[in-house]
């Protein structure tokens, strides 16, 4: 009985290891990343960084897609065809300011209040829709990884509690 002594494909083993580590994007794009590395010949650390950045970017996109699906906002919505004349109490300048998502950077909340059929849901859905030309702070606000050191919460002064007696 003759044994098949063909050498195993080293890329297949690497791909299997990446999949076992749940690095699915790196496993799927491995051939492309290796071909690019052969032409540019980056340092080992730069190549590893490229692989991990590709995986991180794909995970972030999947996370955004999951959150959009869970939000039940429906299909993407823009305010391009919104009838501002039908809702004179709704200021276009205020809504356009909200769409810049500056409130996210300032760590502030937005509360949409008004009577029925005044556009609250439409504005909320538009806030949840990423803009087409360039992403805004609404869709690209990420957790700080190492840009700022973690600091423990400031201690607060103890408060006096009424006695149970």
N, C-alpha and C. Protein backbone atom coordinates (compact mmCIF):
# COMPACT_ATOMS: atom_id res chain seq x y z
N UNK A 1 0.83 -1.17 0.00
CA UNK A 1 0.00 0.00 0.00
C UNK A 1 0.88 1.24 0.00
N UNK A 2 0.75 2.05 -1.01
CA UNK A 2 1.58 3.24 -1.14
C UNK A 2 0.94 4.39 -0.38
N UNK A 3 1.76 5.12 0.33
CA UNK A 3 1.28 6.28 1.08
C UNK A 3 1.43 7.53 0.23
N UNK A 4 0.51 8.42 0.38
CA UNK A 4 0.58 9.69 -0.31
C UNK A 4 1.53 10.59 0.48
N UNK A 5 2.72 10.83 -0.04
CA UNK A 5 3.73 11.61 0.66
C UNK A 5 3.78 13.05 0.19
N UNK A 6 2.69 13.52 -0.37
CA UNK A 6 2.66 14.91 -0.82
C UNK A 6 2.71 15.82 0.41
N UNK A 7 3.54 16.85 0.34
CA UNK A 7 3.64 17.73 1.51
C UNK A 7 2.31 18.47 1.74
N UNK A 8 1.92 18.62 3.00
CA UNK A 8 0.67 19.33 3.28
C UNK A 8 0.82 20.81 2.95
N UNK A 9 -0.27 21.39 2.56
CA UNK A 9 -0.28 22.81 2.21
C UNK A 9 -0.12 23.63 3.49
N UNK A 10 0.97 24.40 3.62
CA UNK A 10 1.15 25.17 4.86
C UNK A 10 0.08 26.26 5.01
N UNK A 11 -0.41 26.80 3.90
CA UNK A 11 -1.46 27.82 3.99
C UNK A 11 -2.75 27.24 4.53
N UNK A 12 -3.03 25.98 4.19
CA UNK A 12 -4.24 25.34 4.70
C UNK A 12 -4.16 25.20 6.21
N UNK A 13 -2.99 24.84 6.72
CA UNK A 13 -2.82 24.71 8.18
C UNK A 13 -2.96 26.07 8.85
N UNK A 14 -2.39 27.12 8.28
CA UNK A 14 -2.50 28.47 8.85
C UNK A 14 -3.96 28.92 8.81
N UNK A 15 -4.62 28.66 7.71
CA UNK A 15 -6.04 29.03 7.58
C UNK A 15 -6.88 28.30 8.62
N UNK A 16 -6.59 27.02 8.84
CA UNK A 16 -7.31 26.24 9.85
C UNK A 16 -7.08 26.82 11.24
N UNK A 17 -5.85 27.18 11.53
CA UNK A 17 -5.55 27.78 12.85
C UNK A 17 -6.26 29.11 13.03
N UNK A 18 -6.28 29.92 11.98
CA UNK A 18 -6.98 31.21 12.07
C UNK A 18 -8.47 31.00 12.32
N UNK A 19 -9.05 30.01 11.65
CA UNK A 19 -10.47 29.74 11.87
C UNK A 19 -10.72 29.20 13.27
N UNK A 20 -9.82 28.37 13.78
CA UNK A 20 -9.97 27.86 15.14
C UNK A 20 -9.88 29.00 16.17
N UNK A 21 -9.09 30.01 15.86
CA UNK A 21 -8.97 31.17 16.74
C UNK A 21 -10.07 32.19 16.49
N UNK A 22 -11.00 31.84 15.62
CA UNK A 22 -12.13 32.71 15.27
C UNK A 22 -11.68 34.01 14.59
N UNK A 23 -10.62 33.93 13.82
CA UNK A 23 -10.14 35.05 13.02
C UNK A 23 -10.57 34.79 11.57
N UNK A 24 -11.87 34.81 11.35
CA UNK A 24 -12.43 34.38 10.08
C UNK A 24 -12.06 35.28 8.91
N UNK A 25 -12.02 36.58 9.13
CA UNK A 25 -11.65 37.48 8.04
C UNK A 25 -10.19 37.29 7.66
N UNK A 26 -9.33 37.12 8.65
CA UNK A 26 -7.92 36.88 8.36
C UNK A 26 -7.77 35.56 7.59
N UNK A 27 -8.53 34.55 7.95
CA UNK A 27 -8.46 33.28 7.24
C UNK A 27 -8.95 33.43 5.81
N UNK A 28 -10.03 34.18 5.61
CA UNK A 28 -10.60 34.36 4.27
C UNK A 28 -9.68 35.20 3.38
N UNK A 29 -9.03 36.22 3.95
CA UNK A 29 -8.21 37.13 3.15
C UNK A 29 -6.72 36.78 3.17
N UNK A 30 -6.37 35.63 3.73
CA UNK A 30 -4.97 35.26 3.89
C UNK A 30 -4.20 35.27 2.57
N UNK A 31 -4.74 34.69 1.53
CA UNK A 31 -4.03 34.63 0.25
C UNK A 31 -3.77 36.03 -0.30
N UNK A 32 -4.78 36.92 -0.21
CA UNK A 32 -4.59 38.29 -0.70
C UNK A 32 -3.55 39.04 0.12
N UNK A 33 -3.61 38.88 1.45
CA UNK A 33 -2.65 39.58 2.31
C UNK A 33 -1.23 39.06 2.08
N UNK A 34 -1.09 37.77 1.87
CA UNK A 34 0.23 37.21 1.59
C UNK A 34 0.76 37.68 0.24
N UNK A 35 -0.11 37.75 -0.77
CA UNK A 35 0.32 38.23 -2.08
C UNK A 35 0.77 39.69 -2.00
N UNK A 36 0.03 40.48 -1.24
CA UNK A 36 0.42 41.88 -1.05
C UNK A 36 1.74 41.98 -0.29
N UNK A 37 1.93 41.11 0.70
CA UNK A 37 3.17 41.12 1.48
C UNK A 37 4.37 40.70 0.63
N UNK A 38 4.15 39.82 -0.32
CA UNK A 38 5.26 39.40 -1.18
C UNK A 38 5.73 40.53 -2.07
N UNK A 39 4.82 41.40 -2.49
CA UNK A 39 5.22 42.51 -3.35
C UNK A 39 5.81 43.66 -2.56
N UNK A 40 5.23 43.95 -1.39
CA UNK A 40 5.71 45.11 -0.61
C UNK A 40 6.81 44.74 0.37
N UNK A 41 6.91 43.46 0.74
CA UNK A 41 7.90 42.96 1.68
C UNK A 41 7.96 43.79 2.96
N UNK A 42 6.85 43.85 3.71
CA UNK A 42 6.86 44.61 4.96
C UNK A 42 7.60 43.82 6.06
N UNK A 43 7.91 44.47 7.13
CA UNK A 43 8.50 43.79 8.28
C UNK A 43 7.45 42.83 8.85
N UNK A 44 7.92 41.84 9.61
CA UNK A 44 6.99 40.87 10.16
C UNK A 44 5.92 41.54 11.03
N UNK A 45 6.34 42.48 11.81
CA UNK A 45 5.38 43.16 12.69
C UNK A 45 4.37 43.98 11.88
N UNK A 46 4.80 44.59 10.78
CA UNK A 46 3.88 45.35 9.94
C UNK A 46 2.89 44.41 9.25
N UNK A 47 3.36 43.24 8.83
CA UNK A 47 2.46 42.27 8.20
C UNK A 47 1.43 41.75 9.21
N UNK A 48 1.89 41.45 10.41
CA UNK A 48 0.96 41.01 11.45
C UNK A 48 -0.05 42.11 11.76
N UNK A 49 0.41 43.34 11.78
CA UNK A 49 -0.50 44.47 12.03
C UNK A 49 -1.55 44.56 10.92
N UNK A 50 -1.15 44.36 9.65
CA UNK A 50 -2.10 44.39 8.55
C UNK A 50 -3.17 43.31 8.70
N UNK A 51 -2.76 42.12 9.10
CA UNK A 51 -3.71 41.03 9.29
C UNK A 51 -4.69 41.37 10.41
N UNK A 52 -4.16 41.85 11.53
CA UNK A 52 -5.02 42.14 12.68
C UNK A 52 -5.92 43.34 12.42
N UNK A 53 -5.44 44.34 11.67
CA UNK A 53 -6.29 45.48 11.33
C UNK A 53 -7.42 45.06 10.39
N UNK A 54 -7.13 44.16 9.46
CA UNK A 54 -8.18 43.66 8.58
C UNK A 54 -9.25 42.93 9.39
N UNK A 55 -8.82 42.11 10.33
CA UNK A 55 -9.77 41.39 11.18
C UNK A 55 -10.57 42.34 12.06
N UNK A 56 -9.89 43.31 12.64
CA UNK A 56 -10.56 44.27 13.52
C UNK A 56 -11.58 45.10 12.74
N UNK A 57 -11.22 45.55 11.56
CA UNK A 57 -12.14 46.33 10.74
C UNK A 57 -13.37 45.53 10.34
N UNK A 58 -13.17 44.27 9.98
CA UNK A 58 -14.30 43.43 9.60
C UNK A 58 -15.19 43.15 10.80
N UNK A 59 -14.59 42.93 11.96
CA UNK A 59 -15.40 42.71 13.16
C UNK A 59 -16.21 43.94 13.51
N UNK A 60 -15.61 45.12 13.35
CA UNK A 60 -16.33 46.36 13.64
C UNK A 60 -17.52 46.53 12.69
N UNK A 61 -17.32 46.24 11.42
CA UNK A 61 -18.41 46.34 10.45
C UNK A 61 -19.54 45.35 10.78
N UNK A 62 -19.16 44.13 11.14
CA UNK A 62 -20.19 43.15 11.51
C UNK A 62 -20.93 43.59 12.76
N UNK A 63 -20.22 44.21 13.70
CA UNK A 63 -20.86 44.71 14.91
C UNK A 63 -21.86 45.82 14.59
N UNK A 64 -21.48 46.72 13.68
CA UNK A 64 -22.40 47.78 13.27
C UNK A 64 -23.62 47.20 12.57
N UNK A 65 -23.41 46.23 11.71
CA UNK A 65 -24.53 45.61 11.02
C UNK A 65 -25.48 44.94 12.00
N UNK A 66 -24.92 44.22 13.00
CA UNK A 66 -25.76 43.59 14.02
C UNK A 66 -26.56 44.62 14.80
N UNK A 67 -25.91 45.71 15.19
CA UNK A 67 -26.60 46.74 15.97
C UNK A 67 -27.69 47.43 15.15
N UNK A 68 -27.43 47.65 13.87
CA UNK A 68 -28.47 48.24 13.02
C UNK A 68 -29.66 47.28 12.90
N UNK A 69 -29.37 46.00 12.75
CA UNK A 69 -30.45 45.02 12.64
C UNK A 69 -31.23 44.94 13.95
N UNK A 70 -30.55 44.93 15.09
CA UNK A 70 -31.21 44.84 16.38
C UNK A 70 -31.98 46.11 16.72
N UNK A 71 -31.56 47.24 16.17
CA UNK A 71 -32.24 48.50 16.49
C UNK A 71 -33.63 48.56 15.89
N UNK A 72 -33.90 47.76 14.87
CA UNK A 72 -35.19 47.74 14.18
C UNK A 72 -35.56 49.11 13.63
N UNK A 73 -34.55 49.85 13.18
CA UNK A 73 -34.80 51.16 12.57
C UNK A 73 -35.38 51.03 11.17
N UNK A 74 -35.28 49.88 10.59
CA UNK A 74 -35.79 49.70 9.24
C UNK A 74 -34.73 50.04 8.22
N UNK A 75 -35.15 50.18 6.96
CA UNK A 75 -34.18 50.50 5.91
C UNK A 75 -33.58 51.89 6.13
N UNK A 76 -32.39 52.13 5.58
CA UNK A 76 -31.76 53.45 5.76
C UNK A 76 -32.67 54.58 5.30
N UNK A 77 -32.61 55.67 6.03
CA UNK A 77 -33.49 56.80 5.77
C UNK A 77 -32.68 58.09 5.80
N UNK A 78 -32.91 58.94 4.82
CA UNK A 78 -32.31 60.27 4.82
C UNK A 78 -33.43 61.30 4.81
N UNK A 79 -33.08 62.52 5.10
CA UNK A 79 -34.07 63.59 5.14
C UNK A 79 -34.08 64.40 3.84
N UNK A 80 -33.56 63.82 2.76
CA UNK A 80 -33.51 64.54 1.49
C UNK A 80 -34.90 64.90 0.98
N UNK A 81 -35.85 63.98 1.09
CA UNK A 81 -37.19 64.24 0.58
C UNK A 81 -38.17 64.65 1.67
N UNK A 82 -37.66 65.04 2.83
CA UNK A 82 -38.52 65.40 3.96
C UNK A 82 -39.24 66.72 3.68
N UNK A 83 -40.54 66.77 3.95
CA UNK A 83 -41.34 67.96 3.69
C UNK A 83 -41.30 68.88 4.92
N UNK A 84 -40.37 69.82 4.90
CA UNK A 84 -40.20 70.74 6.03
C UNK A 84 -41.39 71.70 6.14
N UNK A 85 -42.05 72.01 5.03
CA UNK A 85 -43.18 72.95 5.06
C UNK A 85 -44.38 72.34 5.77
N UNK A 86 -44.52 71.00 5.74
CA UNK A 86 -45.65 70.36 6.40
C UNK A 86 -45.49 70.35 7.92
N UNK A 87 -44.27 70.57 8.39
CA UNK A 87 -43.99 70.59 9.83
C UNK A 87 -43.23 71.87 10.18
N UNK A 88 -43.94 72.99 10.26
CA UNK A 88 -43.27 74.27 10.47
C UNK A 88 -42.61 74.40 11.84
N UNK A 89 -43.03 73.60 12.81
CA UNK A 89 -42.44 73.70 14.15
C UNK A 89 -41.10 72.97 14.24
N UNK A 90 -40.79 72.16 13.22
CA UNK A 90 -39.54 71.42 13.20
C UNK A 90 -38.51 72.23 12.43
N UNK A 91 -37.48 72.65 13.12
CA UNK A 91 -36.47 73.50 12.52
C UNK A 91 -35.44 72.68 11.73
N UNK A 92 -35.26 72.96 10.45
CA UNK A 92 -34.25 72.22 9.67
C UNK A 92 -32.84 72.43 10.20
N UNK A 93 -32.56 73.63 10.72
CA UNK A 93 -31.22 73.90 11.23
C UNK A 93 -30.92 73.03 12.45
N UNK A 94 -31.90 72.87 13.34
CA UNK A 94 -31.70 72.04 14.53
C UNK A 94 -31.49 70.59 14.14
N UNK A 95 -32.30 70.11 13.20
CA UNK A 95 -32.18 68.71 12.77
C UNK A 95 -30.84 68.49 12.08
N UNK A 96 -30.41 69.41 11.24
CA UNK A 96 -29.12 69.25 10.56
C UNK A 96 -27.98 69.30 11.56
N UNK A 97 -28.12 70.08 12.62
CA UNK A 97 -27.12 70.10 13.69
C UNK A 97 -27.08 68.74 14.39
N UNK A 98 -28.25 68.15 14.63
CA UNK A 98 -28.30 66.82 15.23
C UNK A 98 -27.61 65.79 14.34
N UNK A 99 -27.78 65.92 13.03
CA UNK A 99 -27.20 64.95 12.10
C UNK A 99 -25.68 65.02 12.06
N UNK A 100 -25.08 66.10 12.57
CA UNK A 100 -23.61 66.14 12.67
C UNK A 100 -23.11 65.26 13.79
N UNK A 101 -24.02 64.87 14.69
CA UNK A 101 -23.72 63.98 15.82
C UNK A 101 -22.70 64.58 16.79
N UNK A 102 -22.67 65.88 16.88
CA UNK A 102 -21.78 66.52 17.84
C UNK A 102 -22.15 66.13 19.27
N UNK A 103 -23.42 65.84 19.50
CA UNK A 103 -23.86 65.45 20.83
C UNK A 103 -23.19 64.17 21.31
N UNK A 104 -22.78 63.31 20.37
CA UNK A 104 -22.08 62.08 20.75
C UNK A 104 -20.69 62.42 21.27
N UNK A 105 -19.98 63.31 20.56
CA UNK A 105 -18.65 63.70 20.99
C UNK A 105 -18.68 64.44 22.32
N UNK A 106 -19.78 65.17 22.58
CA UNK A 106 -19.92 65.92 23.83
C UNK A 106 -20.51 65.09 24.94
N UNK A 107 -20.80 63.82 24.67
CA UNK A 107 -21.38 62.90 25.65
C UNK A 107 -22.69 63.45 26.20
N UNK A 108 -23.56 63.88 25.30
CA UNK A 108 -24.85 64.43 25.68
C UNK A 108 -25.95 63.56 25.09
N UNK A 109 -27.12 63.64 25.68
CA UNK A 109 -28.27 62.87 25.20
C UNK A 109 -29.15 63.75 24.33
N UNK A 110 -29.98 63.10 23.54
CA UNK A 110 -30.96 63.80 22.71
C UNK A 110 -32.32 63.24 23.07
N UNK A 111 -33.25 64.12 23.31
CA UNK A 111 -34.62 63.73 23.62
C UNK A 111 -35.54 64.40 22.62
N UNK A 112 -36.26 63.60 21.86
CA UNK A 112 -37.17 64.12 20.85
C UNK A 112 -38.58 64.11 21.44
N UNK A 113 -39.14 65.30 21.61
CA UNK A 113 -40.44 65.45 22.25
C UNK A 113 -41.36 66.22 21.31
N UNK A 114 -42.61 65.83 21.26
CA UNK A 114 -43.57 66.56 20.44
C UNK A 114 -44.86 65.79 20.27
N UNK A 115 -45.80 66.43 19.67
CA UNK A 115 -47.09 65.83 19.41
C UNK A 115 -46.95 64.76 18.32
N UNK A 116 -47.97 63.93 18.16
CA UNK A 116 -47.92 62.92 17.10
C UNK A 116 -47.78 63.56 15.72
N UNK A 117 -47.13 62.85 14.84
CA UNK A 117 -46.93 63.26 13.43
C UNK A 117 -46.16 64.56 13.29
N UNK A 118 -45.15 64.75 14.15
CA UNK A 118 -44.32 65.95 14.02
C UNK A 118 -42.92 65.62 13.50
N UNK A 119 -42.64 64.34 13.22
CA UNK A 119 -41.37 63.97 12.62
C UNK A 119 -40.35 63.41 13.59
N UNK A 120 -40.73 63.09 14.80
CA UNK A 120 -39.78 62.58 15.78
C UNK A 120 -39.15 61.26 15.33
N UNK A 121 -39.98 60.33 14.89
CA UNK A 121 -39.47 59.03 14.47
C UNK A 121 -38.61 59.16 13.22
N UNK A 122 -39.01 60.02 12.31
CA UNK A 122 -38.23 60.21 11.08
C UNK A 122 -36.85 60.77 11.41
N UNK A 123 -36.79 61.73 12.31
CA UNK A 123 -35.50 62.30 12.71
C UNK A 123 -34.66 61.25 13.43
N UNK A 124 -35.28 60.46 14.31
CA UNK A 124 -34.54 59.41 15.02
C UNK A 124 -33.99 58.37 14.06
N UNK A 125 -34.79 57.99 13.07
CA UNK A 125 -34.31 57.03 12.08
C UNK A 125 -33.18 57.62 11.23
N UNK A 126 -33.27 58.89 10.91
CA UNK A 126 -32.20 59.54 10.14
C UNK A 126 -30.92 59.61 10.96
N UNK A 127 -31.03 59.79 12.26
CA UNK A 127 -29.83 59.80 13.12
C UNK A 127 -29.16 58.43 13.13
N UNK A 128 -29.95 57.37 12.99
CA UNK A 128 -29.39 56.02 12.99
C UNK A 128 -28.87 55.57 11.66
N UNK A 129 -29.05 56.36 10.62
CA UNK A 129 -28.60 56.00 9.28
C UNK A 129 -27.25 56.65 9.00
N UNK A 130 -26.25 55.85 8.61
CA UNK A 130 -24.95 56.45 8.30
C UNK A 130 -25.02 57.24 7.01
N UNK A 131 -24.36 58.39 6.95
CA UNK A 131 -24.34 59.16 5.71
C UNK A 131 -23.53 58.45 4.64
N UNK A 132 -23.86 58.69 3.40
CA UNK A 132 -23.19 58.01 2.30
C UNK A 132 -21.79 58.56 2.03
N UNK A 133 -21.59 59.90 1.92
CA UNK A 133 -20.27 60.37 1.51
C UNK A 133 -19.16 60.06 2.49
N UNK A 134 -19.35 60.38 3.76
CA UNK A 134 -18.30 60.15 4.74
C UNK A 134 -18.96 59.78 6.06
N UNK A 135 -18.37 58.83 6.80
CA UNK A 135 -18.97 58.46 8.06
C UNK A 135 -18.89 59.60 9.07
N UNK A 136 -19.89 59.68 9.91
CA UNK A 136 -19.92 60.73 10.93
C UNK A 136 -19.61 60.12 12.28
N UNK A 137 -19.61 60.96 13.29
CA UNK A 137 -19.34 60.49 14.64
C UNK A 137 -20.40 59.51 15.10
N UNK A 138 -21.62 59.59 14.54
CA UNK A 138 -22.69 58.67 14.94
C UNK A 138 -22.31 57.23 14.61
N UNK A 139 -21.66 57.02 13.49
CA UNK A 139 -21.37 55.66 13.06
C UNK A 139 -19.93 55.25 13.31
N UNK A 140 -19.04 56.19 13.59
CA UNK A 140 -17.65 55.82 13.76
C UNK A 140 -17.15 55.99 15.18
N UNK A 141 -18.04 56.37 16.09
CA UNK A 141 -17.60 56.52 17.47
C UNK A 141 -17.23 55.14 18.00
N UNK A 142 -15.97 54.96 18.30
CA UNK A 142 -15.49 53.66 18.78
C UNK A 142 -15.00 53.81 20.20
N UNK A 143 -14.92 52.71 20.84
CA UNK A 143 -14.38 52.73 22.19
C UNK A 143 -12.91 53.07 22.11
N UNK A 144 -12.39 53.88 23.02
CA UNK A 144 -10.97 54.17 22.98
C UNK A 144 -10.18 52.95 23.40
N UNK A 145 -9.26 52.54 22.58
CA UNK A 145 -8.50 51.34 22.91
C UNK A 145 -7.32 51.70 23.80
N UNK A 146 -6.41 52.47 23.28
CA UNK A 146 -5.26 52.85 24.09
C UNK A 146 -4.96 54.33 23.93
N UNK A 147 -5.92 55.07 23.39
CA UNK A 147 -5.68 56.49 23.17
C UNK A 147 -5.71 57.27 24.48
N UNK A 148 -6.39 56.74 25.46
CA UNK A 148 -6.48 57.44 26.73
C UNK A 148 -6.41 56.39 27.82
N UNK A 149 -5.56 56.60 28.82
CA UNK A 149 -5.47 55.58 29.87
C UNK A 149 -6.75 55.52 30.68
N UNK A 150 -7.08 54.34 31.12
CA UNK A 150 -8.28 54.19 31.94
C UNK A 150 -8.02 54.81 33.31
N UNK A 151 -8.95 55.58 33.74
CA UNK A 151 -8.83 56.18 35.06
C UNK A 151 -9.99 55.71 35.91
N UNK A 152 -9.73 55.43 37.18
CA UNK A 152 -10.83 54.99 38.03
C UNK A 152 -11.78 56.15 38.29
N UNK A 153 -13.03 55.85 38.62
CA UNK A 153 -13.97 56.93 38.89
C UNK A 153 -13.54 57.74 40.10
N UNK A 154 -13.86 59.03 40.05
CA UNK A 154 -13.50 59.89 41.17
C UNK A 154 -14.33 59.52 42.39
N UNK A 155 -13.69 59.51 43.55
CA UNK A 155 -14.47 59.21 44.75
C UNK A 155 -15.44 60.34 45.05
N UNK A 156 -16.60 59.97 45.50
CA UNK A 156 -17.60 60.96 45.84
C UNK A 156 -17.66 61.10 47.36
N UNK A 157 -18.15 62.24 47.78
CA UNK A 157 -18.28 62.45 49.23
C UNK A 157 -19.37 61.54 49.76
N UNK A 158 -19.14 60.96 50.92
CA UNK A 158 -20.17 60.09 51.47
C UNK A 158 -21.43 60.88 51.78
N UNK A 159 -22.54 60.25 51.52
CA UNK A 159 -23.81 60.92 51.77
C UNK A 159 -24.41 60.39 53.07
N UNK A 160 -25.10 61.25 53.74
CA UNK A 160 -25.73 60.85 55.00
C UNK A 160 -27.00 60.09 54.70
N UNK A 161 -27.15 58.96 55.31
CA UNK A 161 -28.34 58.15 55.11
C UNK A 161 -29.19 58.21 56.37
N UNK A 162 -30.46 58.28 56.19
CA UNK A 162 -31.32 58.31 57.38
C UNK A 162 -31.22 56.98 58.12
N UNK A 163 -31.23 57.06 59.41
CA UNK A 163 -31.13 55.84 60.20
C UNK A 163 -32.43 55.07 60.15
N UNK A 164 -32.33 53.77 60.31
CA UNK A 164 -33.49 52.92 60.23
C UNK A 164 -34.26 52.88 61.54
N UNK A 165 -33.80 53.59 62.55
CA UNK A 165 -34.44 53.53 63.86
C UNK A 165 -35.74 54.26 63.93
